[in-house]
Amino acid sequence: MADPIPPELLLDFYRKGIFPMALDGETRLFSPNPRGIIPLDGFRIPHGTRKTLADPAWETRWDTAFEEVLMGCASREETWIDAGIFESYTALHRLGHAHSVEIWRDGRLAGGLYGVRIGGAFFGESMYHVVPGASKVALCRLVEMLKAGGFLLLDTQWVTPHLEKFGAVEIPRAAYLDLLNRAVGHPARFGLREDG
């Protein structure tokens, strides 16, 4: 197991465009070039996801089951979330810097996502589902909230074919760091919380 990362050090990594992953029993640091983001003004909802979103059975909650979402994201054959990473992000959550978007259905957690927030930047870490479509709903609800809260950056780390369908793009590290520097100092609202 990799050792937990102290919260202030972990936040400092994010402010510098760096994020950790636990691989082969040790924590490794990454700063991809190019970097994946979803421009909030370029977010797209695929046709199939629009049908999924229209289902009234979905219920969205924020930060009510953070550890469960983290465990859901870690429950796959290959994961970079070990006990040290779990403890690191749980500590950040207790301090109000890590958040979960949870999608519930029939009173049960159907899926969700989690990430880190500093100022007007949200760093998406991972998402999962146990009910098909739940993670897509979580992403759409996250973007709605980020737009309403005045956020400037939604970081996806890398771009996958799945995220491309929602408008994810790659930008050079220099452009990313410029956007990051503006975003972390920008006041934004996450749910009912203020953060400067």
C-alpha atoms as a PDB file:
ATOM      1  CA  MET A   1       0.000   0.000   0.000  1.00  0.00           C
ATOM      2  CA  ALA A   2       1.205   3.512  -0.790  1.00  0.00           C
ATOM      3  CA  ASP A   3       1.335   5.878   2.179  1.00  0.00           C
ATOM      4  CA  PRO A   4      -1.470   8.454   2.481  1.00  0.00           C
ATOM      5  CA  ILE A   5      -0.660  11.915   1.115  1.00  0.00           C
ATOM      6  CA  PRO A   6      -1.131  14.778   3.592  1.00  0.00           C
ATOM      7  CA  PRO A   7      -4.026  17.024   2.479  1.00  0.00           C
ATOM      8  CA  GLU A   8      -2.003  20.220   2.005  1.00  0.00           C
ATOM      9  CA  LEU A   9       0.585  18.393  -0.094  1.00  0.00           C
ATOM     10  CA  LEU A  10      -2.146  16.781  -2.195  1.00  0.00           C
ATOM     11  CA  LEU A  11      -3.806  20.165  -2.794  1.00  0.00           C
ATOM     12  CA  ASP A  12      -0.418  21.627  -3.715  1.00  0.00           C
ATOM     13  CA  PHE A  13       0.003  18.880  -6.330  1.00  0.00           C
ATOM     14  CA  TYR A  14      -3.338  19.805  -7.895  1.00  0.00           C
ATOM     15  CA  ARG A  15      -2.472  23.504  -7.931  1.00  0.00           C
ATOM     16  CA  LYS A  16       0.622  22.570  -9.953  1.00  0.00           C
ATOM     17  CA  GLY A  17      -1.251  20.332 -12.415  1.00  0.00           C
ATOM     18  CA  ILE A  18      -0.103  17.071 -10.802  1.00  0.00           C
ATOM     19  CA  PHE A  19      -2.215  14.159  -9.559  1.00  0.00           C
ATOM     20  CA  PRO A  20      -1.293  10.853  -7.864  1.00  0.00           C
ATOM     21  CA  MET A  21      -2.123   7.251  -8.703  1.00  0.00           C
ATOM     22  CA  ALA A  22      -1.150   4.132  -6.760  1.00  0.00           C
ATOM     23  CA  LEU A  23       0.511   1.613  -9.066  1.00  0.00           C
ATOM     24  CA  ASP A  24       2.421  -1.511  -8.073  1.00  0.00           C
ATOM     25  CA  GLY A  25       2.303  -0.614  -4.401  1.00  0.00           C
ATOM     26  CA  GLU A  26       3.685   2.894  -4.718  1.00  0.00           C
ATOM     27  CA  THR A  27       2.293   6.348  -5.379  1.00  0.00           C
ATOM     28  CA  ARG A  28       3.263   7.834  -8.723  1.00  0.00           C
ATOM     29  CA  LEU A  29       2.686  11.412  -9.819  1.00  0.00           C
ATOM     30  CA  PHE A  30       1.345  12.393 -13.253  1.00  0.00           C
ATOM     31  CA  SER A  31       1.041  15.605 -15.259  1.00  0.00           C
ATOM     32  CA  PRO A  32      -0.028  14.521 -18.771  1.00  0.00           C
ATOM     33  CA  ASN A  33       0.904  16.474 -21.867  1.00  0.00           C
ATOM     34  CA  PRO A  34      -1.494  16.961 -23.552  1.00  0.00           C
ATOM     35  CA  ARG A  35      -4.070  17.252 -20.769  1.00  0.00           C
ATOM     36  CA  GLY A  36      -7.713  16.240 -20.957  1.00  0.00           C
ATOM     37  CA  ILE A  37     -10.454  18.709 -20.073  1.00  0.00           C
ATOM     38  CA  ILE A  38     -14.140  19.167 -20.800  1.00  0.00           C
ATOM     39  CA  PRO A  39     -14.711  22.824 -21.720  1.00  0.00           C
ATOM     40  CA  LEU A  40     -17.857  23.700 -19.798  1.00  0.00           C
ATOM     41  CA  ASP A  41     -19.177  25.761 -22.706  1.00  0.00           C
ATOM     42  CA  GLY A  42     -18.469  22.851 -25.068  1.00  0.00           C
ATOM     43  CA  PHE A  43     -20.145  20.090 -23.049  1.00  0.00           C
ATOM     44  CA  ARG A  44     -22.330  17.835 -25.191  1.00  0.00           C
ATOM     45  CA  ILE A  45     -24.982  15.351 -24.150  1.00  0.00           C
ATOM     46  CA  PRO A  46     -25.152  12.409 -26.565  1.00  0.00           C
ATOM     47  CA  HIS A  47     -28.612  11.469 -27.856  1.00  0.00           C
ATOM     48  CA  GLY A  48     -28.739   8.192 -25.921  1.00  0.00           C
ATOM     49  CA  THR A  49     -27.759   9.961 -22.698  1.00  0.00           C
ATOM     50  CA  ARG A  50     -30.592  12.470 -23.193  1.00  0.00           C
ATOM     51  CA  LYS A  51     -33.033   9.557 -23.044  1.00  0.00           C
ATOM     52  CA  THR A  52     -31.306   8.242 -19.912  1.00  0.00           C
ATOM     53  CA  LEU A  53     -31.493  11.654 -18.221  1.00  0.00           C
ATOM     54  CA  ALA A  54     -35.221  11.872 -18.911  1.00  0.00           C
ATOM     55  CA  ASP A  55     -35.898   8.860 -16.652  1.00  0.00           C
ATOM     56  CA  PRO A  56     -37.580  10.282 -13.511  1.00  0.00           C
ATOM     57  CA  ALA A  57     -36.330   7.420 -11.319  1.00  0.00           C
ATOM     58  CA  TRP A  58     -32.837   8.952 -10.944  1.00  0.00           C
ATOM     59  CA  GLU A  59     -32.122  10.916  -7.784  1.00  0.00           C
ATOM     60  CA  THR A  60     -28.999  13.085  -7.464  1.00  0.00           C
ATOM     61  CA  ARG A  61     -27.268  13.728  -4.143  1.00  0.00           C
ATOM     62  CA  TRP A  62     -23.979  15.429  -3.260  1.00  0.00           C
ATOM     63  CA  ASP A  63     -21.485  14.317  -0.627  1.00  0.00           C
ATOM     64  CA  THR A  64     -23.810  11.952   1.236  1.00  0.00           C
ATOM     65  CA  ALA A  65     -21.914   8.742   0.386  1.00  0.00           C
ATOM     66  CA  PHE A  66     -18.392   9.853  -0.520  1.00  0.00           C
ATOM     67  CA  GLU A  67     -16.624   6.743   0.784  1.00  0.00           C
ATOM     68  CA  GLU A  68     -19.109   4.438  -0.944  1.00  0.00           C
ATOM     69  CA  VAL A  69     -18.504   6.214  -4.273  1.00  0.00           C
ATOM     70  CA  LEU A  70     -14.748   5.932  -3.761  1.00  0.00           C
ATOM     71  CA  MET A  71     -15.102   2.219  -3.041  1.00  0.00           C
ATOM     72  CA  GLY A  72     -17.304   1.807  -6.113  1.00  0.00           C
ATOM     73  CA  CYS A  73     -14.656   3.476  -8.278  1.00  0.00           C
ATOM     74  CA  ALA A  74     -11.987   1.185  -6.803  1.00  0.00           C
ATOM     75  CA  SER A  75     -14.016  -2.015  -7.321  1.00  0.00           C
ATOM     76  CA  ARG A  76     -12.645  -3.115 -10.679  1.00  0.00           C
ATOM     77  CA  GLU A  77     -10.013  -5.551 -11.881  1.00  0.00           C
ATOM     78  CA  GLU A  78      -7.358  -2.880 -12.361  1.00  0.00           C
ATOM     79  CA  THR A  79      -7.470   0.108 -10.043  1.00  0.00           C
ATOM     80  CA  TRP A  80      -5.134   2.887  -9.003  1.00  0.00           C
ATOM     81  CA  ILE A  81      -7.103   3.473  -5.783  1.00  0.00           C
ATOM     82  CA  ASP A  82      -5.406   1.585  -2.961  1.00  0.00           C
ATOM     83  CA  ALA A  83      -5.866   2.049   0.798  1.00  0.00           C
ATOM     84  CA  GLY A  84      -3.422   4.975   0.890  1.00  0.00           C
ATOM     85  CA  ILE A  85      -5.183   6.814  -1.936  1.00  0.00           C
ATOM     86  CA  PHE A  86      -8.546   6.054  -0.305  1.00  0.00           C
ATOM     87  CA  GLU A  87      -7.365   7.574   2.976  1.00  0.00           C
ATOM     88  CA  SER A  88      -5.848  10.604   1.203  1.00  0.00           C
ATOM     89  CA  TYR A  89      -9.065  11.556  -0.594  1.00  0.00           C
ATOM     90  CA  THR A  90     -11.273  10.786   2.379  1.00  0.00           C
ATOM     91  CA  ALA A  91      -9.189  13.283   4.383  1.00  0.00           C
ATOM     92  CA  LEU A  92      -9.634  15.857   1.593  1.00  0.00           C
ATOM     93  CA  HIS A  93     -13.377  15.221   1.665  1.00  0.00           C
ATOM     94  CA  ARG A  94     -13.506  15.891   5.401  1.00  0.00           C
ATOM     95  CA  LEU A  95     -11.839  19.258   4.722  1.00  0.00           C
ATOM     96  CA  GLY A  96     -14.392  20.149   2.014  1.00  0.00           C
ATOM     97  CA  HIS A  97     -12.066  19.810  -0.994  1.00  0.00           C
ATOM     98  CA  ALA A  98     -13.148  16.394  -2.349  1.00  0.00           C
ATOM     99  CA  HIS A  99     -16.720  15.759  -3.413  1.00  0.00           C
ATOM    100  CA  SER A 100     -18.969  13.000  -4.657  1.00  0.00           C
ATOM    101  CA  VAL A 101     -21.859  13.229  -7.076  1.00  0.00           C
ATOM    102  CA  GLU A 102     -24.143  10.302  -6.300  1.00  0.00           C
ATOM    103  CA  ILE A 103     -26.926   8.884  -8.414  1.00  0.00           C
ATOM    104  CA  TRP A 104     -29.523   6.933  -6.489  1.00  0.00           C
ATOM    105  CA  ARG A 105     -32.334   4.753  -7.778  1.00  0.00           C
ATOM    106  CA  ASP A 106     -35.044   3.090  -5.708  1.00  0.00           C
ATOM    107  CA  GLY A 107     -33.215   4.118  -2.539  1.00  0.00           C
ATOM    108  CA  ARG A 108     -29.921   2.497  -3.562  1.00  0.00           C
ATOM    109  CA  LEU A 109     -26.668   3.988  -4.803  1.00  0.00           C
ATOM    110  CA  ALA A 110     -26.630   3.320  -8.558  1.00  0.00           C
ATOM    111  CA  GLY A 111     -23.300   4.999  -9.371  1.00  0.00           C
ATOM    112  CA  GLY A 112     -21.489   8.299  -9.254  1.00  0.00           C
ATOM    113  CA  LEU A 113     -18.219  10.140  -9.487  1.00  0.00           C
ATOM    114  CA  TYR A 114     -15.792  11.968  -7.253  1.00  0.00           C
ATOM    115  CA  GLY A 115     -13.211  14.680  -7.642  1.00  0.00           C
ATOM    116  CA  VAL A 116     -11.278  17.512  -6.055  1.00  0.00           C
ATOM    117  CA  ARG A 117     -12.297  21.170  -5.971  1.00  0.00           C
ATOM    118  CA  ILE A 118     -10.025  24.200  -5.554  1.00  0.00           C
ATOM    119  CA  GLY A 119     -11.572  27.600  -6.291  1.00  0.00           C
ATOM    120  CA  GLY A 120     -13.154  27.453  -9.735  1.00  0.00           C
ATOM    121  CA  ALA A 121     -11.415  24.217 -10.755  1.00  0.00           C
ATOM    122  CA  PHE A 122     -12.899  20.732 -10.461  1.00  0.00           C
ATOM    123  CA  PHE A 123     -10.575  17.783 -11.034  1.00  0.00           C
ATOM    124  CA  GLY A 124     -12.581  14.708 -11.995  1.00  0.00           C
ATOM    125  CA  GLU A 125     -10.972  11.586 -10.583  1.00  0.00           C
ATOM    126  CA  SER A 126     -13.131   8.574 -11.349  1.00  0.00           C
ATOM    127  CA  MET A 127     -16.687   7.433 -11.952  1.00  0.00           C
ATOM    128  CA  TYR A 128     -18.540   4.123 -11.850  1.00  0.00           C
ATOM    129  CA  HIS A 129     -21.972   2.602 -12.104  1.00  0.00           C
ATOM    130  CA  VAL A 130     -23.820  -0.473 -10.913  1.00  0.00           C
ATOM    131  CA  VAL A 131     -26.962   0.531 -12.814  1.00  0.00           C
ATOM    132  CA  PRO A 132     -26.347   1.279 -16.519  1.00  0.00           C
ATOM    133  CA  GLY A 133     -26.401   5.001 -17.266  1.00  0.00           C
ATOM    134  CA  ALA A 134     -25.821   6.174 -13.691  1.00  0.00           C
ATOM    135  CA  SER A 135     -22.289   7.486 -14.259  1.00  0.00           C
ATOM    136  CA  LYS A 136     -23.454   9.421 -17.338  1.00  0.00           C
ATOM    137  CA  VAL A 137     -26.187  11.025 -15.271  1.00  0.00           C
ATOM    138  CA  ALA A 138     -23.596  11.903 -12.613  1.00  0.00           C
ATOM    139  CA  LEU A 139     -21.372  13.620 -15.189  1.00  0.00           C
ATOM    140  CA  CYS A 140     -24.273  15.634 -16.607  1.00  0.00           C
ATOM    141  CA  ARG A 141     -25.417  16.706 -13.127  1.00  0.00           C
ATOM    142  CA  LEU A 142     -21.835  17.683 -12.247  1.00  0.00           C
ATOM    143  CA  VAL A 143     -21.522  19.895 -15.322  1.00  0.00           C
ATOM    144  CA  GLU A 144     -24.876  21.553 -14.579  1.00  0.00           C
ATOM    145  CA  MET A 145     -23.659  22.391 -11.087  1.00  0.00           C
ATOM    146  CA  LEU A 146     -20.231  23.612 -12.245  1.00  0.00           C
ATOM    147  CA  LYS A 147     -21.825  25.935 -14.791  1.00  0.00           C
ATOM    148  CA  ALA A 148     -24.271  27.294 -12.215  1.00  0.00           C
ATOM    149  CA  GLY A 149     -21.474  27.756  -9.676  1.00  0.00           C
ATOM    150  CA  GLY A 150     -19.196  29.776 -11.935  1.00  0.00           C
ATOM    151  CA  PHE A 151     -16.433  27.193 -12.409  1.00  0.00           C
ATOM    152  CA  LEU A 152     -13.780  27.711 -15.094  1.00  0.00           C
ATOM    153  CA  LEU A 153     -12.182  24.253 -15.369  1.00  0.00           C
ATOM    154  CA  LEU A 154     -13.315  20.630 -15.490  1.00  0.00           C
ATOM    155  CA  ASP A 155     -10.147  18.524 -15.618  1.00  0.00           C
ATOM    156  CA  THR A 156     -10.471  14.928 -16.866  1.00  0.00           C
ATOM    157  CA  GLN A 157      -6.715  14.147 -16.779  1.00  0.00           C
ATOM    158  CA  TRP A 158      -6.807  12.147 -20.014  1.00  0.00           C
ATOM    159  CA  VAL A 159      -9.337  11.934 -22.844  1.00  0.00           C
ATOM    160  CA  THR A 160     -11.077   8.621 -23.471  1.00  0.00           C
ATOM    161  CA  PRO A 161     -13.413   7.756 -26.356  1.00  0.00           C
ATOM    162  CA  HIS A 162     -16.259   7.793 -23.817  1.00  0.00           C
ATOM    163  CA  LEU A 163     -15.437  11.316 -22.610  1.00  0.00           C
ATOM    164  CA  GLU A 164     -14.957  12.542 -26.191  1.00  0.00           C
ATOM    165  CA  LYS A 165     -18.673  11.944 -26.739  1.00  0.00           C
ATOM    166  CA  PHE A 166     -19.326  14.556 -24.041  1.00  0.00           C
ATOM    167  CA  GLY A 167     -16.965  17.136 -25.537  1.00  0.00           C
ATOM    168  CA  ALA A 168     -13.653  16.275 -23.865  1.00  0.00           C
ATOM    169  CA  VAL A 169     -10.584  17.650 -25.655  1.00  0.00           C
ATOM    170  CA  GLU A 170      -6.814  17.596 -25.229  1.00  0.00           C
ATOM    171  CA  ILE A 171      -4.866  20.824 -24.704  1.00  0.00           C
ATOM    172  CA  PRO A 172      -1.103  21.394 -24.357  1.00  0.00           C
ATOM    173  CA  ARG A 173       0.261  21.417 -20.800  1.00  0.00           C
ATOM    174  CA  ALA A 174       1.210  25.112 -21.062  1.00  0.00           C
ATOM    175  CA  ALA A 175      -2.359  26.065 -21.994  1.00  0.00           C
ATOM    176  CA  TYR A 176      -3.689  23.820 -19.234  1.00  0.00           C
ATOM    177  CA  LEU A 177      -1.449  25.403 -16.600  1.00  0.00           C
ATOM    178  CA  ASP A 178      -2.564  28.877 -17.669  1.00  0.00           C
ATOM    179  CA  LEU A 179      -6.219  27.857 -17.340  1.00  0.00           C
ATOM    180  CA  LEU A 180      -5.478  26.095 -14.045  1.00  0.00           C
ATOM    181  CA  ASN A 181      -3.790  29.158 -12.541  1.00  0.00           C
ATOM    182  CA  ARG A 182      -6.800  31.317 -13.387  1.00  0.00           C
ATOM    183  CA  ALA A 183      -9.290  28.731 -12.154  1.00  0.00           C
ATOM    184  CA  VAL A 184      -7.810  27.918  -8.726  1.00  0.00           C
ATOM    185  CA  GLY A 185      -7.911  31.598  -7.728  1.00  0.00           C
ATOM    186  CA  HIS A 186     -11.439  32.108  -9.033  1.00  0.00           C
ATOM    187  CA  PRO A 187     -14.286  32.074  -6.489  1.00  0.00           C
ATOM    188  CA  ALA A 188     -16.919  29.470  -7.294  1.00  0.00           C
ATOM    189  CA  ARG A 189     -19.861  27.795  -5.594  1.00  0.00           C
ATOM    190  CA  PHE A 190     -20.133  24.022  -5.250  1.00  0.00           C
ATOM    191  CA  GLY A 191     -23.674  23.192  -4.253  1.00  0.00           C
ATOM    192  CA  LEU A 192     -24.346  25.519  -1.329  1.00  0.00           C
ATOM    193  CA  ARG A 193     -20.673  26.014  -0.447  1.00  0.00           C
ATOM    194  CA  GLU A 194     -18.543  29.047  -1.256  1.00  0.00           C
ATOM    195  CA  ASP A 195     -14.861  28.686  -2.020  1.00  0.00           C
ATOM    196  CA  GLY A 196     -12.413  31.422  -2.912  1.00  0.00           C
END
